[in-house]
């Protein structure tokens, strides 16, 4: 099976798509769990022994670091899913293209003279 789109069937492509999708989600959730639970909660006391910029590291991770990681995970997920969607032929049209389609439909509906219907 190649990435170029030579799939044996829709069923195989669908299964592969969801397998790749699930693998990505599991990896990102693992990072989320490590930062959100392990570092920010369970290891906060030992990390507080390390001081950066006048603040204990455990406090910094719980207050700022975890939020930054969560936002980064959102962008990573969106970027990777765009690539996965594109690789499997299920990507969405660009927003600009969608607007053009809607504008064309509206223009066809109102007609060339701006309000008179044929």
Protein backbone atom coordinates (compact mmCIF):
# COMPACT_ATOMS: atom_id res chain seq x y z
CA UNK A 1 0.00 0.00 0.00
CA UNK A 2 1.49 3.33 -1.01
CA UNK A 3 0.82 6.87 0.12
CA UNK A 4 0.15 7.92 -3.49
CA UNK A 5 -3.46 6.82 -3.41
CA UNK A 6 -3.15 3.32 -4.87
CA UNK A 7 -5.49 1.70 -2.38
CA UNK A 8 -7.11 -1.68 -2.91
CA UNK A 9 -10.50 -0.36 -1.92
CA UNK A 10 -12.46 2.21 -0.02
CA UNK A 11 -12.71 -0.09 2.98
CA UNK A 12 -8.93 -0.46 3.24
CA UNK A 13 -8.42 3.29 2.83
CA UNK A 14 -11.03 4.02 5.49
CA UNK A 15 -9.50 1.57 7.95
CA UNK A 16 -6.02 2.96 7.37
CA UNK A 17 -7.28 6.54 7.75
CA UNK A 18 -8.89 5.81 11.12
CA UNK A 19 -5.90 3.78 12.29
CA UNK A 20 -3.55 6.72 11.53
CA UNK A 21 -6.05 9.16 13.06
CA UNK A 22 -6.32 7.12 16.26
CA UNK A 23 -2.54 6.71 16.51
CA UNK A 24 -2.11 10.50 16.34
CA UNK A 25 -4.77 11.06 18.99
CA UNK A 26 -3.19 8.52 21.34
CA UNK A 27 0.23 10.15 21.01
CA UNK A 28 -1.13 13.64 21.66
CA UNK A 29 -3.25 12.45 24.59
CA UNK A 30 -0.15 10.80 26.06
CA UNK A 31 1.70 14.13 25.92
CA UNK A 32 -1.34 15.84 27.46
CA UNK A 33 -1.47 13.27 30.29
CA UNK A 34 2.25 13.50 31.00
CA UNK A 35 2.23 17.29 31.18
CA UNK A 36 -1.20 17.75 32.75
CA UNK A 37 -1.14 15.00 35.33
CA UNK A 38 2.36 13.67 35.81
CA UNK A 39 4.38 16.90 35.71
CA UNK A 40 1.80 19.43 36.90
CA UNK A 41 0.26 17.35 39.70
CA UNK A 42 2.16 14.23 40.69
CA UNK A 43 5.71 15.54 40.27
CA UNK A 44 5.01 19.14 41.29
CA UNK A 45 6.77 18.86 44.67
CA UNK A 46 10.06 17.46 43.33
CA UNK A 47 9.98 19.94 40.44
CA UNK A 48 9.51 22.82 42.90
CA UNK A 49 13.11 22.23 44.02
CA UNK A 50 14.18 23.70 40.67
CA UNK A 51 13.73 27.48 40.52
CA UNK A 52 13.57 29.30 37.16
CA UNK A 53 13.15 33.06 37.06
CA UNK A 54 12.29 33.16 40.76
CA UNK A 55 9.44 30.64 40.44
CA UNK A 56 9.48 26.94 41.27
CA UNK A 57 9.39 24.77 38.13
CA UNK A 58 6.40 22.74 39.36
CA UNK A 59 4.37 25.90 39.82
CA UNK A 60 5.46 27.23 36.42
CA UNK A 61 4.48 24.01 34.62
CA UNK A 62 1.10 23.88 36.35
CA UNK A 63 0.28 27.53 35.67
CA UNK A 64 1.90 28.37 32.34
CA UNK A 65 3.70 25.42 30.83
CA UNK A 66 0.70 23.12 30.68
CA UNK A 67 -1.42 25.78 28.99
CA UNK A 68 1.28 26.39 26.38
CA UNK A 69 1.59 22.66 25.75
CA UNK A 70 -2.19 22.27 25.38
CA UNK A 71 -2.38 25.10 22.84
CA UNK A 72 0.59 23.65 20.96
CA UNK A 73 -1.15 20.25 20.88
CA UNK A 74 -4.20 21.84 19.25
CA UNK A 75 -2.08 23.33 16.46
CA UNK A 76 -0.09 20.12 16.03
CA UNK A 77 -3.32 18.11 15.78
CA UNK A 78 -4.82 20.48 13.21
CA UNK A 79 -1.65 20.51 11.08
CA UNK A 80 -1.18 16.73 11.19
CA UNK A 81 -4.87 16.04 10.48
CA UNK A 82 -4.72 18.31 7.42
CA UNK A 83 -1.84 16.19 6.11
CA UNK A 84 -3.57 12.91 6.99
CA UNK A 85 -6.80 14.09 5.34
CA UNK A 86 -4.90 15.14 2.24
CA UNK A 87 -2.98 11.84 2.07
CA UNK A 88 -6.25 9.89 2.23
CA UNK A 89 -8.24 12.10 -0.13
CA UNK A 90 -10.73 13.38 2.43
CA UNK A 91 -9.44 16.93 2.83
CA UNK A 92 -11.84 19.82 2.94
CA UNK A 93 -11.93 22.56 0.36
CA UNK A 94 -10.17 25.75 1.25
CA UNK A 95 -12.37 28.41 2.78
CA UNK A 96 -11.80 30.66 -0.23
CA UNK A 97 -13.12 27.98 -2.57
CA UNK A 98 -16.18 27.43 -0.40
CA UNK A 99 -16.94 31.15 -0.49
CA UNK A 100 -16.63 31.17 -4.28
CA UNK A 101 -19.13 28.31 -4.55
CA UNK A 102 -21.62 30.10 -2.28
CA UNK A 103 -21.18 33.39 -4.17
CA UNK A 104 -21.71 31.62 -7.49
CA UNK A 105 -24.90 29.97 -6.19
CA UNK A 106 -26.21 33.30 -4.92
CA UNK A 107 -25.41 34.96 -8.24
CA UNK A 108 -27.25 32.22 -10.13
CA UNK A 109 -30.21 32.60 -7.80
CA UNK A 110 -30.56 36.40 -8.11
CA UNK A 111 -29.77 36.53 -11.78
CA UNK A 112 -27.60 38.90 -13.81
CA UNK A 113 -29.69 42.08 -13.24
CA UNK A 114 -29.53 41.90 -9.42
CA UNK A 115 -32.96 40.79 -8.38
CA UNK A 116 -34.98 39.75 -11.36
CA UNK A 117 -35.42 36.04 -11.63
CA UNK A 118 -35.63 34.45 -15.07
